[in-house]
Amino acid sequence: MTDQAHNHHHYVDDTEAHVRVPRYSGMARINHWIVAITFTLLALSGFALFHPSLFGLTALFGGGQNARWIHPWLGIVLVISFFGLFLRFVSQNLPERTDAQWLSGIRHVLSAGGEAYLPEVGKYNAGQKFVFWSQTFFIVVLLGSGLLLWQQGLPYIENALGIRISIDQRRWAAVIHATVAVLTILVFVIHVYSAIWVRGTIDAMTRGSVTGGWGWRHHRRWLRRKVREGDIDVEPNGDGGKGRAP
């Protein structure tokens, strides 16, 4: 470990309770929660329409007719809001050499204290990048297949594109839509579970910041950049006020 790394480690560990590192802006958090809430409502309304045994979920939307009407519009809101997230975070989710190294050490990710055996990563690790790119792909597929199933909107789409969608094509769209919906829900569950499992992660999307210790353990290269930029808040403690870390 270099002297600089040692100093950063010493600084972060000794002041973990008082150091906050900004991670997400207020607008980014609002965008994220719009996506999360819309996705949840889409999943509930989709389940309600998927099988008769789940039809009772339509009561959450005021009945089956309302659920059928609101489901595609929720989909449009999800696509627009997710596109906002995509533009915000795509540059930080591009593949890097360390991603393969991180994945090869996945057993250390799942073990306590295994961070020491993993490469230093930036704002997002390979697992988070998988969630980002898989959800991007799934949402594009859900949009395309969903448009073919949208009874009220399909005539406008056909007229705009000058095509006619056959019954067989709509049947295939239904199969694809249901399959990809299950996959995207599974990825969503993994995302939520990981945020709960890794202590301190939820703070990033509620408070907008994380502790210095969290950054050092999970996103060390990102934390180093924040330290170099002076983008760290030192919260009041027993003998000082709030200010920027050097």
C-alpha atoms as a PDB file:
ATOM      1  CA  MET A   1       0.000   0.000   0.000  1.00  0.00           C
ATOM      2  CA  THR A   2       1.407   3.391  -0.955  1.00  0.00           C
ATOM      3  CA  ASP A   3       1.819   6.193   1.590  1.00  0.00           C
ATOM      4  CA  GLN A   4      -0.982   8.105  -0.121  1.00  0.00           C
ATOM      5  CA  ALA A   5      -3.309   5.102   0.037  1.00  0.00           C
ATOM      6  CA  HIS A   6      -2.347   4.557   3.683  1.00  0.00           C
ATOM      7  CA  ASN A   7      -3.141   8.176   4.507  1.00  0.00           C
ATOM      8  CA  HIS A   8      -6.525   7.951   2.768  1.00  0.00           C
ATOM      9  CA  HIS A   9      -7.288   4.705   4.584  1.00  0.00           C
ATOM     10  CA  HIS A  10      -6.254   6.184   7.928  1.00  0.00           C
ATOM     11  CA  TYR A  11      -8.263   9.356   7.305  1.00  0.00           C
ATOM     12  CA  VAL A  12     -11.435   7.544   6.287  1.00  0.00           C
ATOM     13  CA  ASP A  13     -11.329   4.929   9.045  1.00  0.00           C
ATOM     14  CA  ASP A  14     -10.601   7.408  11.841  1.00  0.00           C
ATOM     15  CA  THR A  15     -13.401   9.773  10.832  1.00  0.00           C
ATOM     16  CA  GLU A  16     -15.934   7.378   9.313  1.00  0.00           C
ATOM     17  CA  ALA A  17     -18.702   8.518  11.642  1.00  0.00           C
ATOM     18  CA  HIS A  18     -18.150  12.149  10.605  1.00  0.00           C
ATOM     19  CA  VAL A  19     -17.285  11.971   6.910  1.00  0.00           C
ATOM     20  CA  ARG A  20     -20.028  11.980   4.265  1.00  0.00           C
ATOM     21  CA  VAL A  21     -19.238  11.594   0.583  1.00  0.00           C
ATOM     22  CA  PRO A  22     -21.821  12.972  -1.900  1.00  0.00           C
ATOM     23  CA  ARG A  23     -22.952  10.218  -4.276  1.00  0.00           C
ATOM     24  CA  TYR A  24     -26.251  11.287  -5.884  1.00  0.00           C
ATOM     25  CA  SER A  25     -27.791  14.683  -6.498  1.00  0.00           C
ATOM     26  CA  GLY A  26     -31.352  15.465  -5.491  1.00  0.00           C
ATOM     27  CA  MET A  27     -32.564  15.260  -9.103  1.00  0.00           C
ATOM     28  CA  ALA A  28     -30.863  11.889  -9.590  1.00  0.00           C
ATOM     29  CA  ARG A  29     -32.579  10.527  -6.484  1.00  0.00           C
ATOM     30  CA  ILE A  30     -35.986  11.819  -7.597  1.00  0.00           C
ATOM     31  CA  ASN A  31     -35.428  10.245 -11.000  1.00  0.00           C
ATOM     32  CA  HIS A  32     -34.451   6.953  -9.358  1.00  0.00           C
ATOM     33  CA  TRP A  33     -37.504   6.831  -7.096  1.00  0.00           C
ATOM     34  CA  ILE A  34     -39.858   7.627  -9.983  1.00  0.00           C
ATOM     35  CA  VAL A  35     -38.379   4.626 -11.811  1.00  0.00           C
ATOM     36  CA  ALA A  36     -38.611   2.411  -8.715  1.00  0.00           C
ATOM     37  CA  ILE A  37     -42.213   3.310  -7.870  1.00  0.00           C
ATOM     38  CA  THR A  38     -43.365   3.096 -11.489  1.00  0.00           C
ATOM     39  CA  PHE A  39     -41.660  -0.272 -11.899  1.00  0.00           C
ATOM     40  CA  THR A  40     -43.378  -1.618  -8.769  1.00  0.00           C
ATOM     41  CA  LEU A  41     -46.795  -0.457  -9.968  1.00  0.00           C
ATOM     42  CA  LEU A  42     -46.119  -1.962 -13.393  1.00  0.00           C
ATOM     43  CA  ALA A  43     -45.169  -5.294 -11.838  1.00  0.00           C
ATOM     44  CA  LEU A  44     -48.309  -5.358  -9.677  1.00  0.00           C
ATOM     45  CA  SER A  45     -50.646  -4.437 -12.541  1.00  0.00           C
ATOM     46  CA  GLY A  46     -48.840  -6.860 -14.852  1.00  0.00           C
ATOM     47  CA  PHE A  47     -49.201  -9.730 -12.399  1.00  0.00           C
ATOM     48  CA  ALA A  48     -52.884  -8.865 -11.979  1.00  0.00           C
ATOM     49  CA  LEU A  49     -53.459  -9.184 -15.722  1.00  0.00           C
ATOM     50  CA  PHE A  50     -51.190 -12.198 -16.204  1.00  0.00           C
ATOM     51  CA  HIS A  51     -53.207 -14.918 -14.460  1.00  0.00           C
ATOM     52  CA  PRO A  52     -56.764 -15.184 -13.067  1.00  0.00           C
ATOM     53  CA  SER A  53     -55.437 -16.247  -9.672  1.00  0.00           C
ATOM     54  CA  LEU A  54     -53.739 -12.837  -9.344  1.00  0.00           C
ATOM     55  CA  PHE A  55     -56.667 -10.804 -10.629  1.00  0.00           C
ATOM     56  CA  GLY A  56     -57.387  -9.612  -7.083  1.00  0.00           C
ATOM     57  CA  LEU A  57     -54.409  -7.276  -7.409  1.00  0.00           C
ATOM     58  CA  THR A  58     -56.500  -5.165  -9.794  1.00  0.00           C
ATOM     59  CA  ALA A  59     -58.287  -3.841  -6.696  1.00  0.00           C
ATOM     60  CA  LEU A  60     -55.168  -1.743  -6.077  1.00  0.00           C
ATOM     61  CA  PHE A  61     -55.983   0.139  -9.286  1.00  0.00           C
ATOM     62  CA  GLY A  62     -59.753   0.348  -8.880  1.00  0.00           C
ATOM     63  CA  GLY A  63     -60.633  -2.779 -10.862  1.00  0.00           C
ATOM     64  CA  GLY A  64     -59.615  -4.735 -13.927  1.00  0.00           C
ATOM     65  CA  GLN A  65     -60.610  -2.103 -16.466  1.00  0.00           C
ATOM     66  CA  ASN A  66     -58.540   0.566 -14.747  1.00  0.00           C
ATOM     67  CA  ALA A  67     -55.570  -1.812 -14.424  1.00  0.00           C
ATOM     68  CA  ARG A  68     -55.692  -2.573 -18.161  1.00  0.00           C
ATOM     69  CA  TRP A  69     -55.867   1.123 -18.987  1.00  0.00           C
ATOM     70  CA  ILE A  70     -53.130   2.313 -16.620  1.00  0.00           C
ATOM     71  CA  HIS A  71     -50.589  -0.483 -17.235  1.00  0.00           C
ATOM     72  CA  PRO A  72     -49.362   0.728 -20.662  1.00  0.00           C
ATOM     73  CA  TRP A  73     -49.276   4.356 -19.518  1.00  0.00           C
ATOM     74  CA  LEU A  74     -47.151   3.350 -16.537  1.00  0.00           C
ATOM     75  CA  GLY A  75     -44.896   1.653 -19.061  1.00  0.00           C
ATOM     76  CA  ILE A  76     -44.479   4.910 -20.966  1.00  0.00           C
ATOM     77  CA  VAL A  77     -43.626   6.741 -17.733  1.00  0.00           C
ATOM     78  CA  LEU A  78     -41.071   4.043 -16.874  1.00  0.00           C
ATOM     79  CA  VAL A  79     -39.391   4.264 -20.280  1.00  0.00           C
ATOM     80  CA  ILE A  80     -39.108   8.061 -20.123  1.00  0.00           C
ATOM     81  CA  SER A  81     -37.857   8.129 -16.529  1.00  0.00           C
ATOM     82  CA  PHE A  82     -35.425   5.252 -17.083  1.00  0.00           C
ATOM     83  CA  PHE A  83     -34.064   7.040 -20.140  1.00  0.00           C
ATOM     84  CA  GLY A  84     -33.257   9.927 -17.793  1.00  0.00           C
ATOM     85  CA  LEU A  85     -31.300   7.555 -15.539  1.00  0.00           C
ATOM     86  CA  PHE A  86     -29.572   6.071 -18.565  1.00  0.00           C
ATOM     87  CA  LEU A  87     -28.311   9.457 -19.699  1.00  0.00           C
ATOM     88  CA  ARG A  88     -27.127  10.287 -16.180  1.00  0.00           C
ATOM     89  CA  PHE A  89     -25.199   7.086 -15.516  1.00  0.00           C
ATOM     90  CA  VAL A  90     -24.215   5.487 -18.827  1.00  0.00           C
ATOM     91  CA  SER A  91     -20.727   7.027 -18.884  1.00  0.00           C
ATOM     92  CA  GLN A  92     -19.964   5.513 -15.468  1.00  0.00           C
ATOM     93  CA  ASN A  93     -21.273   2.067 -16.426  1.00  0.00           C
ATOM     94  CA  LEU A  94     -19.007   1.450 -19.400  1.00  0.00           C
ATOM     95  CA  PRO A  95     -16.971  -1.801 -19.239  1.00  0.00           C
ATOM     96  CA  GLU A  96     -13.507  -1.665 -17.677  1.00  0.00           C
ATOM     97  CA  ARG A  97     -10.669  -4.153 -17.246  1.00  0.00           C
ATOM     98  CA  THR A  98     -11.315  -4.300 -13.514  1.00  0.00           C
ATOM     99  CA  ASP A  99     -14.835  -5.622 -14.156  1.00  0.00           C
ATOM    100  CA  ALA A 100     -13.486  -9.030 -15.208  1.00  0.00           C
ATOM    101  CA  GLN A 101     -11.192  -9.087 -12.186  1.00  0.00           C
ATOM    102  CA  TRP A 102     -14.115  -8.189  -9.907  1.00  0.00           C
ATOM    103  CA  LEU A 103     -16.269 -10.953 -11.375  1.00  0.00           C
ATOM    104  CA  SER A 104     -13.483 -13.517 -11.051  1.00  0.00           C
ATOM    105  CA  GLY A 105     -13.369 -12.715  -7.346  1.00  0.00           C
ATOM    106  CA  ILE A 106     -17.134 -12.880  -6.842  1.00  0.00           C
ATOM    107  CA  ARG A 107     -16.681 -15.321  -3.935  1.00  0.00           C
ATOM    108  CA  HIS A 108     -14.929 -12.539  -2.031  1.00  0.00           C
ATOM    109  CA  VAL A 109     -17.859 -10.191  -2.710  1.00  0.00           C
ATOM    110  CA  LEU A 110     -20.111 -12.609  -0.881  1.00  0.00           C
ATOM    111  CA  SER A 111     -17.786 -13.112   2.094  1.00  0.00           C
ATOM    112  CA  ALA A 112     -17.191 -10.824   5.051  1.00  0.00           C
ATOM    113  CA  GLY A 113     -13.987  -8.854   4.716  1.00  0.00           C
ATOM    114  CA  GLY A 114     -13.457 -10.005   1.153  1.00  0.00           C
ATOM    115  CA  GLU A 115     -13.016  -6.473  -0.182  1.00  0.00           C
ATOM    116  CA  ALA A 116      -9.253  -6.715   0.338  1.00  0.00           C
ATOM    117  CA  TYR A 117      -9.057  -9.340  -2.433  1.00  0.00           C
ATOM    118  CA  LEU A 118     -10.993  -7.309  -4.996  1.00  0.00           C
ATOM    119  CA  PRO A 119      -9.682  -4.657  -7.400  1.00  0.00           C
ATOM    120  CA  GLU A 120     -10.387  -1.024  -6.666  1.00  0.00           C
ATOM    121  CA  VAL A 121     -13.490   0.050  -8.585  1.00  0.00           C
ATOM    122  CA  GLY A 122     -14.998   3.351  -9.586  1.00  0.00           C
ATOM    123  CA  LYS A 123     -18.540   4.484  -8.908  1.00  0.00           C
ATOM    124  CA  TYR A 124     -20.020   1.157 -10.040  1.00  0.00           C
ATOM    125  CA  ASN A 125     -18.755  -2.399  -9.829  1.00  0.00           C
ATOM    126  CA  ALA A 126     -19.382  -5.134 -12.393  1.00  0.00           C
ATOM    127  CA  GLY A 127     -22.494  -6.356 -10.572  1.00  0.00           C
ATOM    128  CA  GLN A 128     -24.071  -2.913 -10.630  1.00  0.00           C
ATOM    129  CA  LYS A 129     -23.153  -2.539 -14.296  1.00  0.00           C
ATOM    130  CA  PHE A 130     -24.891  -5.852 -15.008  1.00  0.00           C
ATOM    131  CA  VAL A 131     -28.067  -4.507 -13.414  1.00  0.00           C
ATOM    132  CA  PHE A 132     -27.792  -1.283 -15.419  1.00  0.00           C
ATOM    133  CA  TRP A 133     -27.267  -2.891 -18.838  1.00  0.00           C
ATOM    134  CA  SER A 134     -29.627  -5.831 -18.343  1.00  0.00           C
ATOM    135  CA  GLN A 135     -32.445  -3.517 -17.248  1.00  0.00           C
ATOM    136  CA  THR A 136     -31.720  -1.221 -20.182  1.00  0.00           C
ATOM    137  CA  PHE A 137     -32.037  -4.147 -22.595  1.00  0.00           C
ATOM    138  CA  PHE A 138     -35.107  -5.601 -20.877  1.00  0.00           C
ATOM    139  CA  ILE A 139     -36.957  -2.278 -20.810  1.00  0.00           C
ATOM    140  CA  VAL A 140     -36.341  -1.766 -24.539  1.00  0.00           C
ATOM    141  CA  VAL A 141     -37.745  -5.256 -25.234  1.00  0.00           C
ATOM    142  CA  LEU A 142     -40.707  -4.657 -22.922  1.00  0.00           C
ATOM    143  CA  LEU A 143     -41.451  -1.395 -24.708  1.00  0.00           C
ATOM    144  CA  GLY A 144     -41.395  -3.008 -28.143  1.00  0.00           C
ATOM    145  CA  SER A 145     -43.460  -6.044 -27.175  1.00  0.00           C
ATOM    146  CA  GLY A 146     -45.803  -3.969 -25.012  1.00  0.00           C
ATOM    147  CA  LEU A 147     -46.653  -1.630 -27.876  1.00  0.00           C
ATOM    148  CA  LEU A 148     -47.798  -4.629 -29.920  1.00  0.00           C
ATOM    149  CA  LEU A 149     -50.136  -5.638 -27.085  1.00  0.00           C
ATOM    150  CA  TRP A 150     -51.568  -2.163 -26.463  1.00  0.00           C
ATOM    151  CA  GLN A 151     -55.061  -2.391 -27.937  1.00  0.00           C
ATOM    152  CA  GLN A 152     -55.833   1.316 -27.681  1.00  0.00           C
ATOM    153  CA  GLY A 153     -52.468   2.485 -28.996  1.00  0.00           C
ATOM    154  CA  LEU A 154     -51.720  -0.164 -31.624  1.00  0.00           C
ATOM    155  CA  PRO A 155     -53.902   1.365 -34.400  1.00  0.00           C
ATOM    156  CA  TYR A 156     -52.014   4.646 -34.126  1.00  0.00           C
ATOM    157  CA  ILE A 157     -48.691   2.804 -34.251  1.00  0.00           C
ATOM    158  CA  GLU A 158     -49.748   0.787 -37.293  1.00  0.00           C
ATOM    159  CA  ASN A 159     -50.910   3.911 -39.124  1.00  0.00           C
ATOM    160  CA  ALA A 160     -47.751   5.816 -38.234  1.00  0.00           C
ATOM    161  CA  LEU A 161     -45.481   3.019 -39.448  1.00  0.00           C
ATOM    162  CA  GLY A 162     -47.689   1.890 -42.328  1.00  0.00           C
ATOM    163  CA  ILE A 163     -47.752  -1.733 -41.170  1.00  0.00           C
ATOM    164  CA  ARG A 164     -50.269  -4.248 -39.867  1.00  0.00           C
ATOM    165  CA  ILE A 165     -49.506  -6.499 -36.917  1.00  0.00           C
ATOM    166  CA  SER A 166     -50.795 -10.056 -37.280  1.00  0.00           C
ATOM    167  CA  ILE A 167     -52.382 -12.158 -34.542  1.00  0.00           C
ATOM    168  CA  ASP A 168     -49.393 -14.502 -34.545  1.00  0.00           C
ATOM    169  CA  GLN A 169     -47.045 -11.568 -34.052  1.00  0.00           C
ATOM    170  CA  ARG A 170     -49.111 -10.364 -31.102  1.00  0.00           C
ATOM    171  CA  ARG A 171     -49.044 -13.859 -29.600  1.00  0.00           C
ATOM    172  CA  TRP A 172     -45.278 -13.955 -29.840  1.00  0.00           C
ATOM    173  CA  ALA A 173     -45.163 -10.462 -28.362  1.00  0.00           C
ATOM    174  CA  ALA A 174     -47.209 -11.690 -25.400  1.00  0.00           C
ATOM    175  CA  VAL A 175     -44.808 -14.580 -24.772  1.00  0.00           C
ATOM    176  CA  ILE A 176     -41.751 -12.348 -25.055  1.00  0.00           C
ATOM    177  CA  HIS A 177     -43.328  -9.636 -22.883  1.00  0.00           C
ATOM    178  CA  ALA A 178     -44.198 -12.068 -20.077  1.00  0.00           C
ATOM    179  CA  THR A 179     -40.808 -13.807 -20.168  1.00  0.00           C
ATOM    180  CA  VAL A 180     -38.777 -10.605 -20.127  1.00  0.00           C
ATOM    181  CA  ALA A 181     -41.039  -9.131 -17.435  1.00  0.00           C
ATOM    182  CA  VAL A 182     -40.165 -12.043 -15.136  1.00  0.00           C
ATOM    183  CA  LEU A 183     -36.455 -11.589 -15.868  1.00  0.00           C
ATOM    184  CA  THR A 184     -36.517  -7.850 -15.208  1.00  0.00           C
ATOM    185  CA  ILE A 185     -38.406  -8.390 -11.935  1.00  0.00           C
ATOM    186  CA  LEU A 186     -35.737 -10.897 -10.850  1.00  0.00           C
ATOM    187  CA  VAL A 187     -32.987  -8.366 -11.588  1.00  0.00           C
ATOM    188  CA  PHE A 188     -34.983  -5.715  -9.706  1.00  0.00           C
ATOM    189  CA  VAL A 189     -35.221  -8.021  -6.675  1.00  0.00           C
ATOM    190  CA  ILE A 190     -31.458  -8.654  -6.805  1.00  0.00           C
ATOM    191  CA  HIS A 191     -30.880  -4.896  -6.965  1.00  0.00           C
ATOM    192  CA  VAL A 192     -33.094  -4.205  -3.945  1.00  0.00           C
ATOM    193  CA  TYR A 193     -31.682  -7.127  -1.932  1.00  0.00           C
ATOM    194  CA  SER A 194     -28.116  -5.991  -2.603  1.00  0.00           C
ATOM    195  CA  ALA A 195     -28.931  -2.457  -1.473  1.00  0.00           C
ATOM    196  CA  ILE A 196     -30.328  -3.812   1.796  1.00  0.00           C
ATOM    197  CA  TRP A 197     -27.609  -6.441   2.271  1.00  0.00           C
ATOM    198  CA  VAL A 198     -24.693  -3.996   1.905  1.00  0.00           C
ATOM    199  CA  ARG A 199     -25.113  -1.792   4.963  1.00  0.00           C
ATOM    200  CA  GLY A 200     -25.085   1.920   4.234  1.00  0.00           C
ATOM    201  CA  THR A 201     -26.017   1.602   0.562  1.00  0.00           C
ATOM    202  CA  ILE A 202     -29.590   2.829   0.932  1.00  0.00           C
ATOM    203  CA  ASP A 203     -28.252   6.107   2.338  1.00  0.00           C
ATOM    204  CA  ALA A 204     -27.011   6.908  -1.162  1.00  0.00           C
ATOM    205  CA  MET A 205     -30.566   7.097  -2.496  1.00  0.00           C
ATOM    206  CA  THR A 206     -32.172   8.600   0.599  1.00  0.00           C
ATOM    207  CA  ARG A 207     -29.614  11.069   1.953  1.00  0.00           C
ATOM    208  CA  GLY A 208     -27.652  11.390  -1.281  1.00  0.00           C
ATOM    209  CA  SER A 209     -24.360  10.562   0.426  1.00  0.00           C
ATOM    210  CA  VAL A 210     -22.478   7.666   1.991  1.00  0.00           C
ATOM    211  CA  THR A 211     -19.881   7.368   4.734  1.00  0.00           C
ATOM    212  CA  GLY A 212     -16.203   7.531   3.922  1.00  0.00           C
ATOM    213  CA  GLY A 213     -15.812   4.003   5.258  1.00  0.00           C
ATOM    214  CA  TRP A 214     -18.474   2.696   2.890  1.00  0.00           C
ATOM    215  CA  GLY A 215     -16.712   4.319  -0.032  1.00  0.00           C
ATOM    216  CA  TRP A 216     -13.341   2.882   1.033  1.00  0.00           C
ATOM    217  CA  ARG A 217     -14.684  -0.666   1.375  1.00  0.00           C
ATOM    218  CA  HIS A 218     -16.807  -0.826  -1.774  1.00  0.00           C
ATOM    219  CA  HIS A 219     -15.743   1.881  -4.265  1.00  0.00           C
ATOM    220  CA  ARG A 220     -12.202   2.816  -3.371  1.00  0.00           C
ATOM    221  CA  ARG A 221     -11.149   4.328  -6.714  1.00  0.00           C
ATOM    222  CA  TRP A 222     -14.281   6.498  -6.719  1.00  0.00           C
ATOM    223  CA  LEU A 223     -13.511   7.626  -3.162  1.00  0.00           C
ATOM    224  CA  ARG A 224      -9.920   8.528  -4.083  1.00  0.00           C
ATOM    225  CA  ARG A 225     -11.241  10.781  -6.848  1.00  0.00           C
ATOM    226  CA  LYS A 226     -13.678  12.419  -4.442  1.00  0.00           C
ATOM    227  CA  VAL A 227     -10.865  13.068  -1.976  1.00  0.00           C
ATOM    228  CA  ARG A 228      -8.648  14.575  -4.686  1.00  0.00           C
ATOM    229  CA  GLU A 229     -11.506  16.853  -5.737  1.00  0.00           C
ATOM    230  CA  GLY A 230     -12.226  17.832  -2.137  1.00  0.00           C
ATOM    231  CA  ASP A 231     -15.811  16.685  -2.588  1.00  0.00           C
ATOM    232  CA  ILE A 232     -16.240  15.379   0.953  1.00  0.00           C
ATOM    233  CA  ASP A 233     -18.323  16.791   3.795  1.00  0.00           C
ATOM    234  CA  VAL A 234     -16.943  16.698   7.312  1.00  0.00           C
ATOM    235  CA  GLU A 235     -19.890  16.697   9.685  1.00  0.00           C
ATOM    236  CA  PRO A 236     -19.754  18.417  13.087  1.00  0.00           C
ATOM    237  CA  ASN A 237     -18.136  16.457  15.878  1.00  0.00           C
ATOM    238  CA  GLY A 238     -17.133  17.267  19.396  1.00  0.00           C
ATOM    239  CA  ASP A 239     -14.462  19.801  18.459  1.00  0.00           C
ATOM    240  CA  GLY A 240     -15.304  21.274  15.110  1.00  0.00           C
ATOM    241  CA  GLY A 241     -17.804  22.377  12.565  1.00  0.00           C
ATOM    242  CA  LYS A 242     -18.703  21.385   9.089  1.00  0.00           C
ATOM    243  CA  GLY A 243     -16.367  21.941   6.207  1.00  0.00           C
ATOM    244  CA  ARG A 244     -14.702  20.466   3.195  1.00  0.00           C
ATOM    245  CA  ALA A 245     -12.082  17.815   3.645  1.00  0.00           C
ATOM    246  CA  PRO A 246      -8.679  18.788   2.285  1.00  0.00           C
END
